[in-house]
Amino acid sequence: MPIHNTPGRYGSVAKAFHWITALLILIEYPLGRIANDRPIDTPRDLEAKFTLFSAHKTLGLLIFAVALLRILWALMEPRPRALHPDRPIETWLAHAVHWLLYFCLVLVPLTGWAAHAATGGLAPIWWPFGQGLPLIPKSEFAQVVFAGMHGVLTSLLLIAVGLHVAGALKHWLIDRDLTLARMLPGKPLMAGLPGEAPRLPEPRIRRPAPLSAAVLVMLATLLAGAASGWREAPAPLALEEAGIGETEEIGDLEPVPLPLPQADQPPMWEVTEGEITFTVSRFGNPVTGRFARWDARITHDPAFGSEGAGHVRAQIDITSLDMGSLTGQALGFDFFDADEHPQAVFEADILSVIDGHVLRGTLLLRGVTQAVEMPLTLRIDGDEAEAGATISLDRFAFAIGRNIPDTSILGRDVRVNVKLKARRRQE
């Protein structure tokens, strides 16, 4: 069987692309439907749902690659002559549907990839090249717009496939011609086909009218999909309506030079070692993360003032997070959004209370500032001090993981633990 197309039949490469694409679509669409309809009653169901979605996304990228190669090959090869040149309308429709199929085979997986790249989510693509896509912003709004396009384009792809199959069945059952036979594997007897030689010199693009019609349909579909996603996009005031605080801009994380304490100021303390960790429930199991880089400046004197005992300001490098295999996902747009908000800042007064101390101040995280208060355990031995604090934070208050409202997947409460040792700074 020849590799190239001839005036009478398709070559082996074109046939391979055709049937591989058909097989991938037959697997991909049901896989997406099954993943979407999968129940989430138990953690095991959730894990299975995410696994199915990862398989769906990965297979979608395979279809995208195959479609690009198929289109490239088709543009270099002549199309076999129409079997019924006396039916111009039928030929025109067949060409228009082919162009719709080509556009959909590229844009359906591409818009799905764009929706994934805009937020990430809990179902990663199974490949080593990253989850992002150039020029696609990290945005929940972009995600729903691309998802709307993906859904409408999928419907158009199914319509185009249906028309393509219907045309093939018409040629087989009604016209009883060899249209379907010349795309089948092998080289069946095909008497009556146009001559096999010479090869056609014309390129694939030779009928602008069907191509123009397919482009118009595709543009209308993209606009409809974008409008559909736009309607489902979150309202701009969603954060404020949820009671989330105002944002604050901060600069790059740099060591902050502090003045030596004056006579009327509490002594300055330097942190010598410590750790900041947090624990959250994922599928009912605790997962711990820790930040490797952070800087704290502390003033404290038990005898300073009637209520206040000092002040603390800590800057945390969010990009230094370590959560094992979940690190990349946790730093993504849906969670810490480290690209846009690479720092967290905690600033509080150290207050003496009857049974010890409390830290009362604010936490700036992911661009959101919230008032916080946490008990502080403090032990001072001469010029050495040890301190510890624990607080439970609501991740929703900082817009972390808002796209996962189900707390059986990702817990709402995040327990933060701070332990440190400090030395009194001498003049």
Protein backbone atom coordinates (compact mmCIF):
# COMPACT_ATOMS: atom_id res chain seq x y z
CA MET A 1 0.00 0.00 0.00
CA PRO A 2 1.53 3.37 -1.03
CA ILE A 3 2.45 5.91 1.63
CA HIS A 4 1.21 8.95 -0.32
CA ASN A 5 -2.27 9.78 -1.54
CA THR A 6 -3.12 9.20 -5.17
CA PRO A 7 -5.98 10.55 -7.29
CA GLY A 8 -7.94 7.42 -6.48
CA ARG A 9 -7.20 6.55 -2.86
CA TYR A 10 -5.68 7.67 0.42
CA GLY A 11 -2.17 6.55 1.30
CA SER A 12 -1.22 4.52 4.35
CA VAL A 13 -0.15 7.57 6.39
CA ALA A 14 -3.45 9.40 5.88
CA LYS A 15 -5.35 6.22 6.74
CA ALA A 16 -3.33 5.70 9.90
CA PHE A 17 -3.95 9.27 11.06
CA HIS A 18 -7.68 8.90 10.31
CA TRP A 19 -8.24 5.70 12.27
CA ILE A 20 -5.92 6.60 15.16
CA THR A 21 -7.83 9.87 15.59
CA ALA A 22 -11.15 8.03 15.48
CA LEU A 23 -9.97 5.57 18.14
CA LEU A 24 -8.68 8.33 20.42
CA ILE A 25 -11.98 10.23 20.20
CA LEU A 26 -13.93 7.05 20.98
CA ILE A 27 -11.86 6.72 24.17
CA GLU A 28 -11.52 10.39 25.11
CA TYR A 29 -15.14 11.54 25.10
CA PRO A 30 -16.55 8.70 27.25
CA LEU A 31 -13.57 9.08 29.58
CA GLY A 32 -14.40 12.75 30.11
CA ARG A 33 -18.08 11.98 30.72
CA ILE A 34 -17.26 9.22 33.19
CA ALA A 35 -14.83 11.50 35.06
CA ASN A 36 -17.37 14.31 35.18
CA ASP A 37 -20.18 12.05 36.43
CA ARG A 38 -18.04 10.13 38.92
CA PRO A 39 -19.51 10.44 42.45
CA ILE A 40 -17.48 12.00 45.25
CA ASP A 41 -19.06 10.23 48.20
CA THR A 42 -15.81 8.90 49.64
CA PRO A 43 -12.11 9.81 49.49
CA ARG A 44 -11.57 6.79 47.27
CA ASP A 45 -14.20 8.13 44.86
CA LEU A 46 -12.44 11.49 44.81
CA GLU A 47 -9.06 9.94 44.08
CA ALA A 48 -10.62 7.93 41.24
CA LYS A 49 -12.29 11.06 39.85
CA PHE A 50 -9.01 12.98 39.78
CA THR A 51 -7.23 10.01 38.21
CA LEU A 52 -9.85 9.86 35.44
CA PHE A 53 -9.55 13.60 34.81
CA SER A 54 -5.75 13.32 34.64
CA ALA A 55 -6.10 10.53 32.09
CA HIS A 56 -8.61 12.64 30.14
CA LYS A 57 -6.29 15.66 30.06
CA THR A 58 -3.25 13.61 29.11
CA LEU A 59 -5.09 11.82 26.30
CA GLY A 60 -6.39 15.18 25.12
CA LEU A 61 -2.84 16.42 24.62
CA LEU A 62 -2.06 13.26 22.64
CA ILE A 63 -5.04 14.01 20.38
CA PHE A 64 -3.76 17.58 20.01
CA ALA A 65 -0.35 16.33 18.87
CA VAL A 66 -1.83 13.77 16.48
CA ALA A 67 -4.18 16.40 15.02
CA LEU A 68 -1.32 18.80 14.31
CA LEU A 69 0.67 16.07 12.56
CA ARG A 70 -2.40 14.96 10.62
CA ILE A 71 -3.16 18.50 9.41
CA LEU A 72 0.47 19.06 8.44
CA TRP A 73 0.45 15.85 6.40
CA ALA A 74 -2.88 16.73 4.80
CA LEU A 75 -1.59 20.15 3.73
CA MET A 76 1.34 18.51 1.96
CA GLU A 77 -0.71 15.81 0.25
CA PRO A 78 -3.27 16.07 -2.57
CA ARG A 79 -6.81 15.01 -1.75
CA PRO A 80 -8.09 12.09 -3.86
CA ARG A 81 -10.54 13.18 -6.55
CA ALA A 82 -14.21 13.35 -5.66
CA LEU A 83 -16.15 10.31 -6.82
CA HIS A 84 -19.16 12.44 -7.68
CA PRO A 85 -18.00 15.70 -9.32
CA ASP A 86 -21.57 16.10 -10.57
CA ARG A 87 -22.73 16.74 -6.96
CA PRO A 88 -21.07 20.07 -6.09
CA ILE A 89 -23.20 20.78 -3.01
CA GLU A 90 -22.45 17.38 -1.50
CA THR A 91 -18.73 17.82 -2.20
CA TRP A 92 -18.79 21.33 -0.71
CA LEU A 93 -20.45 20.06 2.49
CA ALA A 94 -17.95 17.21 2.78
CA HIS A 95 -15.02 19.63 2.55
CA ALA A 96 -16.59 22.05 5.06
CA VAL A 97 -17.15 19.24 7.56
CA HIS A 98 -13.55 18.10 7.12
CA TRP A 99 -12.30 21.59 7.97
CA LEU A 100 -14.58 21.72 11.02
CA LEU A 101 -13.14 18.42 12.17
CA TYR A 102 -9.59 19.69 11.78
CA PHE A 103 -10.32 22.90 13.69
CA CYS A 104 -12.10 21.05 16.49
CA LEU A 105 -9.37 18.43 16.82
CA VAL A 106 -6.93 21.25 17.56
CA LEU A 107 -9.09 23.68 19.54
CA VAL A 108 -10.98 21.24 21.77
CA PRO A 109 -7.84 19.91 23.49
CA LEU A 110 -6.17 23.33 23.32
CA THR A 111 -9.00 25.09 25.19
CA GLY A 112 -9.11 22.24 27.70
CA TRP A 113 -5.38 22.64 28.27
CA ALA A 114 -5.82 26.41 28.64
CA ALA A 115 -8.55 25.93 31.25
CA HIS A 116 -6.27 23.57 33.16
CA ALA A 117 -3.28 25.92 32.87
CA ALA A 118 -5.31 28.85 34.23
CA THR A 119 -5.80 27.19 37.61
CA GLY A 120 -4.08 23.80 37.78
CA GLY A 121 -6.40 21.88 40.09
CA LEU A 122 -6.00 18.49 41.68
CA ALA A 123 -5.84 16.47 38.44
CA PRO A 124 -2.42 17.11 36.82
CA ILE A 125 -1.42 16.20 33.30
CA TRP A 126 0.77 13.11 33.31
CA TRP A 127 3.86 14.42 31.63
CA PRO A 128 7.16 16.04 32.71
CA PHE A 129 6.80 19.38 30.88
CA GLY A 130 4.83 21.38 33.43
CA GLN A 131 1.16 22.23 33.75
CA GLY A 132 1.19 25.78 32.39
CA LEU A 133 0.69 27.16 28.91
CA PRO A 134 2.41 30.27 27.51
CA LEU A 135 0.29 33.45 27.44
CA ILE A 136 -2.43 31.89 29.63
CA PRO A 137 -2.89 33.93 32.85
CA LYS A 138 -3.40 32.32 36.23
CA SER A 139 -6.98 33.37 36.70
CA GLU A 140 -10.22 31.77 37.82
CA PHE A 141 -12.03 33.98 35.32
CA ALA A 142 -9.83 32.72 32.47
CA GLN A 143 -10.43 29.16 33.61
CA VAL A 144 -14.22 29.37 33.33
CA VAL A 145 -14.05 31.19 29.98
CA PHE A 146 -11.76 28.55 28.46
CA ALA A 147 -13.86 25.80 30.05
CA GLY A 148 -16.94 27.30 28.38
CA MET A 149 -15.15 27.26 25.02
CA HIS A 150 -14.02 23.68 25.63
CA GLY A 151 -17.56 22.51 26.31
CA VAL A 152 -19.16 24.21 23.29
CA LEU A 153 -16.36 23.12 20.96
CA THR A 154 -16.77 19.54 22.19
CA SER A 155 -20.42 19.70 21.14
CA LEU A 156 -19.40 21.04 17.73
CA LEU A 157 -16.84 18.24 17.38
CA LEU A 158 -19.52 15.64 18.11
CA ILE A 159 -21.80 17.25 15.50
CA ALA A 160 -19.00 17.26 12.91
CA VAL A 161 -18.13 13.63 13.67
CA GLY A 162 -21.80 12.71 13.38
CA LEU A 163 -22.08 14.43 9.98
CA HIS A 164 -18.86 12.75 8.83
CA VAL A 165 -20.11 9.30 9.86
CA ALA A 166 -23.53 9.96 8.34
CA GLY A 167 -21.91 10.90 5.04
CA ALA A 168 -19.77 7.77 5.03
CA LEU A 169 -22.84 5.58 5.73
CA LYS A 170 -24.77 7.31 2.94
CA HIS A 171 -22.02 6.52 0.47
CA TRP A 172 -21.88 2.92 1.66
CA LEU A 173 -25.57 2.06 2.08
CA ILE A 174 -27.34 4.37 -0.36
CA ASP A 175 -24.90 5.38 -3.06
CA ARG A 176 -23.05 2.03 -2.81
CA ASP A 177 -19.86 3.66 -4.03
CA LEU A 178 -16.24 3.30 -2.92
CA THR A 179 -15.89 6.47 -0.78
CA LEU A 180 -15.57 4.50 2.45
CA ALA A 181 -13.55 1.71 0.85
CA ARG A 182 -10.69 3.96 -0.16
CA MET A 183 -10.13 4.95 3.49
CA LEU A 184 -10.15 1.37 4.77
CA PRO A 185 -6.87 -0.38 5.61
CA GLY A 186 -5.27 -2.46 2.90
CA LYS A 187 -5.91 -2.23 -0.82
CA PRO A 188 -9.32 -3.70 -1.63
CA LEU A 189 -10.58 -4.15 -5.19
CA MET A 190 -11.77 -0.72 -6.23
CA ALA A 191 -12.77 -0.95 -9.85
CA GLY A 192 -14.17 2.22 -11.29
CA LEU A 193 -12.04 4.64 -9.26
CA PRO A 194 -10.45 7.58 -11.08
CA GLY A 195 -7.07 6.72 -12.57
CA GLU A 196 -4.26 6.10 -10.13
CA ALA A 197 -1.75 8.24 -12.05
CA PRO A 198 -0.54 10.84 -12.40
CA ARG A 199 -0.51 12.36 -8.92
CA LEU A 200 -2.40 15.59 -8.47
CA PRO A 201 -0.19 18.67 -8.30
CA GLU A 202 -2.72 20.80 -6.39
CA PRO A 203 -2.31 21.25 -2.60
CA ARG A 204 -4.99 20.31 -0.13
CA ILE A 205 -6.34 23.85 0.17
CA ARG A 206 -8.10 24.36 -3.12
CA ARG A 207 -11.69 25.24 -2.19
CA PRO A 208 -11.74 28.49 -0.17
CA ALA A 209 -15.54 28.56 0.17
CA PRO A 210 -15.82 25.48 2.46
CA LEU A 211 -12.81 26.67 4.46
CA SER A 212 -14.32 30.13 4.90
CA ALA A 213 -17.61 28.64 6.05
CA ALA A 214 -15.82 26.42 8.56
CA VAL A 215 -13.88 29.42 9.91
CA LEU A 216 -17.09 31.40 10.41
CA VAL A 217 -18.75 28.50 12.22
CA MET A 218 -15.68 28.05 14.39
CA LEU A 219 -15.51 31.75 15.32
CA ALA A 220 -19.20 31.79 16.23
CA THR A 221 -18.70 28.69 18.37
CA LEU A 222 -15.72 30.21 20.17
CA LEU A 223 -17.71 33.37 20.94
CA ALA A 224 -20.63 31.31 22.20
CA GLY A 225 -18.31 29.28 24.41
CA ALA A 226 -16.62 32.39 25.79
CA ALA A 227 -20.01 33.95 26.54
CA SER A 228 -21.11 30.77 28.28
CA GLY A 229 -18.02 30.80 30.47
CA TRP A 230 -18.35 34.55 31.08
CA ARG A 231 -21.81 34.05 32.56
CA GLU A 232 -20.44 31.46 34.98
CA ALA A 233 -17.39 33.51 35.99
CA PRO A 234 -17.16 34.50 39.66
CA ALA A 235 -18.34 37.99 40.54
CA PRO A 236 -15.54 40.54 41.06
CA LEU A 237 -16.79 41.21 44.60
CA ALA A 238 -16.76 37.56 45.61
CA LEU A 239 -13.86 38.06 48.02
CA GLU A 240 -15.43 41.05 49.71
CA GLU A 241 -18.80 39.34 49.97
CA ALA A 242 -17.07 36.41 51.65
CA GLY A 243 -15.72 38.75 54.30
CA ILE A 244 -12.13 38.65 53.14
CA GLY A 245 -10.01 41.61 54.17
CA GLU A 246 -8.22 44.23 52.16
CA THR A 247 -4.99 43.59 50.32
CA GLU A 248 -1.58 45.15 50.80
CA GLU A 249 1.36 45.41 48.45
CA ILE A 250 4.79 44.37 49.74
CA GLY A 251 8.23 44.35 48.19
CA ASP A 252 10.79 41.62 47.68
CA LEU A 253 11.95 39.69 50.69
CA GLU A 254 15.16 41.32 51.84
CA PRO A 255 16.93 41.42 55.23
CA VAL A 256 15.57 44.42 57.11
CA PRO A 257 18.23 46.40 59.02
CA LEU A 258 16.88 47.33 62.43
CA PRO A 259 18.22 50.00 64.77
CA LEU A 260 19.69 49.08 68.11
CA PRO A 261 17.23 49.50 70.98
CA GLN A 262 17.10 52.88 72.62
CA ALA A 263 16.77 53.44 76.33
CA ASP A 264 12.97 53.63 76.12
CA GLN A 265 12.59 50.60 73.81
CA PRO A 266 12.48 46.91 74.69
CA PRO A 267 15.61 44.89 73.89
CA MET A 268 16.04 43.48 70.38
CA TRP A 269 16.19 39.72 69.85
CA GLU A 270 17.72 37.81 66.95
CA VAL A 271 16.27 34.48 65.86
CA THR A 272 18.97 31.82 65.79
CA GLU A 273 16.89 28.84 64.67
CA GLY A 274 13.30 27.79 64.23
CA GLU A 275 10.63 26.45 61.90
CA ILE A 276 7.24 27.39 60.52
CA THR A 277 5.03 24.47 59.55
CA PHE A 278 1.36 23.94 58.78
CA THR A 279 -0.88 20.90 58.60
CA VAL A 280 -4.05 20.47 56.56
CA SER A 281 -6.33 17.50 55.94
CA ARG A 282 -6.31 16.05 52.43
CA PHE A 283 -8.75 13.23 51.78
CA GLY A 284 -8.95 12.80 55.55
CA ASN A 285 -5.18 12.42 55.96
CA PRO A 286 -2.91 15.10 57.45
CA VAL A 287 -0.42 16.72 55.07
CA THR A 288 2.36 18.94 56.41
CA GLY A 289 4.24 21.75 54.70
CA ARG A 290 7.14 23.88 55.90
CA PHE A 291 8.80 27.08 54.81
CA ALA A 292 12.58 26.98 54.50
CA ARG A 293 13.20 30.74 54.30
CA TRP A 294 11.78 33.35 56.63
CA ASP A 295 13.01 36.28 58.65
CA ALA A 296 11.76 37.61 62.01
CA ARG A 297 12.58 40.70 64.05
CA ILE A 298 11.46 40.71 67.67
CA THR A 299 11.46 43.23 70.49
CA HIS A 300 10.49 42.04 73.95
CA ASP A 301 10.96 42.95 77.59
CA PRO A 302 8.75 41.47 80.34
CA ALA A 303 9.00 44.74 82.23
CA PHE A 304 8.16 46.95 79.25
CA GLY A 305 4.82 48.75 79.61
CA SER A 306 1.72 47.86 81.55
CA GLU A 307 0.17 45.67 78.80
CA GLY A 308 2.47 45.47 75.80
CA ALA A 309 5.59 43.39 76.13
CA GLY A 310 7.03 43.84 72.66
CA HIS A 311 6.52 43.46 68.93
CA VAL A 312 7.26 40.92 66.22
CA ARG A 313 7.41 41.20 62.43
CA ALA A 314 8.04 38.13 60.31
CA GLN A 315 8.42 37.86 56.54
CA ILE A 316 7.94 34.43 55.00
CA ASP A 317 9.22 33.41 51.56
CA ILE A 318 6.23 31.48 50.18
CA THR A 319 8.32 30.13 47.30
CA SER A 320 10.45 28.21 49.82
CA LEU A 321 7.51 25.93 50.64
CA ASP A 322 8.20 22.20 50.83
CA MET A 323 5.20 19.85 50.66
CA GLY A 324 6.86 16.95 48.91
CA SER A 325 5.09 15.93 45.72
CA LEU A 326 2.34 18.50 46.37
CA THR A 327 4.71 21.50 46.41
CA GLY A 328 4.16 22.63 42.84
CA GLN A 329 0.41 22.36 43.14
CA ALA A 330 0.34 24.19 46.48
CA LEU A 331 2.32 27.10 45.02
CA GLY A 332 -0.11 27.40 42.09
CA PHE A 333 -2.84 29.93 41.45
CA ASP A 334 -5.57 27.99 43.26
CA PHE A 335 -3.64 27.89 46.51
CA PHE A 336 -0.75 30.15 47.59
CA ASP A 337 -0.42 31.80 44.15
CA ALA A 338 3.30 32.26 44.76
CA ASP A 339 3.92 33.99 41.41
CA GLU A 340 1.71 36.91 42.38
CA HIS A 341 2.18 36.78 46.16
CA PRO A 342 5.68 35.45 46.95
CA GLN A 343 5.63 36.68 50.55
CA ALA A 344 3.51 36.47 53.67
CA VAL A 345 3.92 39.06 56.41
CA PHE A 346 2.95 38.57 60.05
CA GLU A 347 3.09 41.57 62.34
CA ALA A 348 1.81 41.57 65.91
CA ASP A 349 2.24 42.98 69.39
CA ILE A 350 3.39 40.67 72.14
CA LEU A 351 0.96 41.19 75.01
CA SER A 352 1.23 39.97 78.57
CA VAL A 353 -1.88 38.28 79.92
CA ILE A 354 -2.70 36.58 83.19
CA ASP A 355 -1.58 33.12 82.09
CA GLY A 356 1.26 34.09 79.75
CA HIS A 357 1.44 35.97 76.45
CA VAL A 358 -0.55 36.38 73.24
CA LEU A 359 0.36 37.63 69.78
CA ARG A 360 -2.25 40.04 68.46
CA GLY A 361 -1.86 41.52 65.01
CA THR A 362 -2.36 40.83 61.28
CA LEU A 363 -1.35 38.23 58.72
CA LEU A 364 -0.93 39.16 55.07
CA LEU A 365 -1.20 36.01 52.94
CA ARG A 366 -2.03 35.63 49.25
CA GLY A 367 -2.74 39.37 49.08
CA VAL A 368 -5.34 39.20 51.88
CA THR A 369 -4.89 40.75 55.32
CA GLN A 370 -6.68 39.23 58.31
CA ALA A 371 -6.59 40.00 62.03
CA VAL A 372 -5.15 37.10 64.02
CA GLU A 373 -4.52 36.31 67.66
CA MET A 374 -2.62 33.33 69.00
CA PRO A 375 -1.33 32.23 72.41
CA LEU A 376 2.44 32.38 72.83
CA THR A 377 4.54 30.14 75.01
CA LEU A 378 7.71 31.94 76.03
CA ARG A 379 10.68 30.92 78.14
CA ILE A 380 13.57 33.32 78.73
CA ASP A 381 16.82 32.24 80.31
CA GLY A 382 19.20 35.19 80.50
CA ASP A 383 20.03 36.16 76.94
CA GLU A 384 18.45 33.05 75.45
CA ALA A 385 14.74 32.59 74.67
CA GLU A 386 12.49 29.87 73.28
CA ALA A 387 9.01 30.57 71.93
CA GLY A 388 6.20 28.62 70.35
CA ALA A 389 2.79 29.51 68.95
CA THR A 390 -0.04 27.59 67.31
CA ILE A 391 -3.07 28.90 65.48
CA SER A 392 -5.84 27.44 63.33
CA LEU A 393 -6.52 29.49 60.17
CA ASP A 394 -9.49 29.31 57.81
CA ARG A 395 -8.11 28.80 54.30
CA PHE A 396 -11.28 30.31 52.80
CA ALA A 397 -10.54 33.59 54.60
CA PHE A 398 -7.41 33.90 52.45
CA ALA A 399 -9.04 32.65 49.22
CA ILE A 400 -6.91 29.50 49.26
CA GLY A 401 -8.43 26.56 47.43
CA ARG A 402 -11.78 28.27 46.82
CA ASN A 403 -12.36 25.97 43.84
CA ILE A 404 -12.38 23.04 46.30
CA PRO A 405 -15.25 23.88 48.66
CA ASP A 406 -15.65 20.23 49.67
CA THR A 407 -13.76 20.00 52.96
CA SER A 408 -13.61 16.21 52.69
CA ILE A 409 -11.16 16.78 49.83
CA LEU A 410 -9.21 19.62 51.41
CA GLY A 411 -9.83 20.59 55.01
CA ARG A 412 -10.96 24.10 55.85
CA ASP A 413 -8.86 24.54 58.99
CA VAL A 414 -5.09 24.86 58.59
CA ARG A 415 -3.07 24.42 61.77
CA VAL A 416 0.05 26.59 61.82
CA ASN A 417 2.90 25.90 64.24
CA VAL A 418 5.83 28.20 64.96
CA LYS A 419 8.87 27.26 67.04
CA LEU A 420 11.97 29.38 67.43
CA LYS A 421 14.99 30.16 69.53
CA ALA A 422 16.39 33.69 69.90
CA ARG A 423 19.33 35.48 71.47
CA ARG A 424 19.25 38.93 73.02
CA ARG A 425 21.06 41.39 70.82
CA GLN A 426 23.84 43.30 72.62
CA GLU A 427 24.79 46.88 71.95
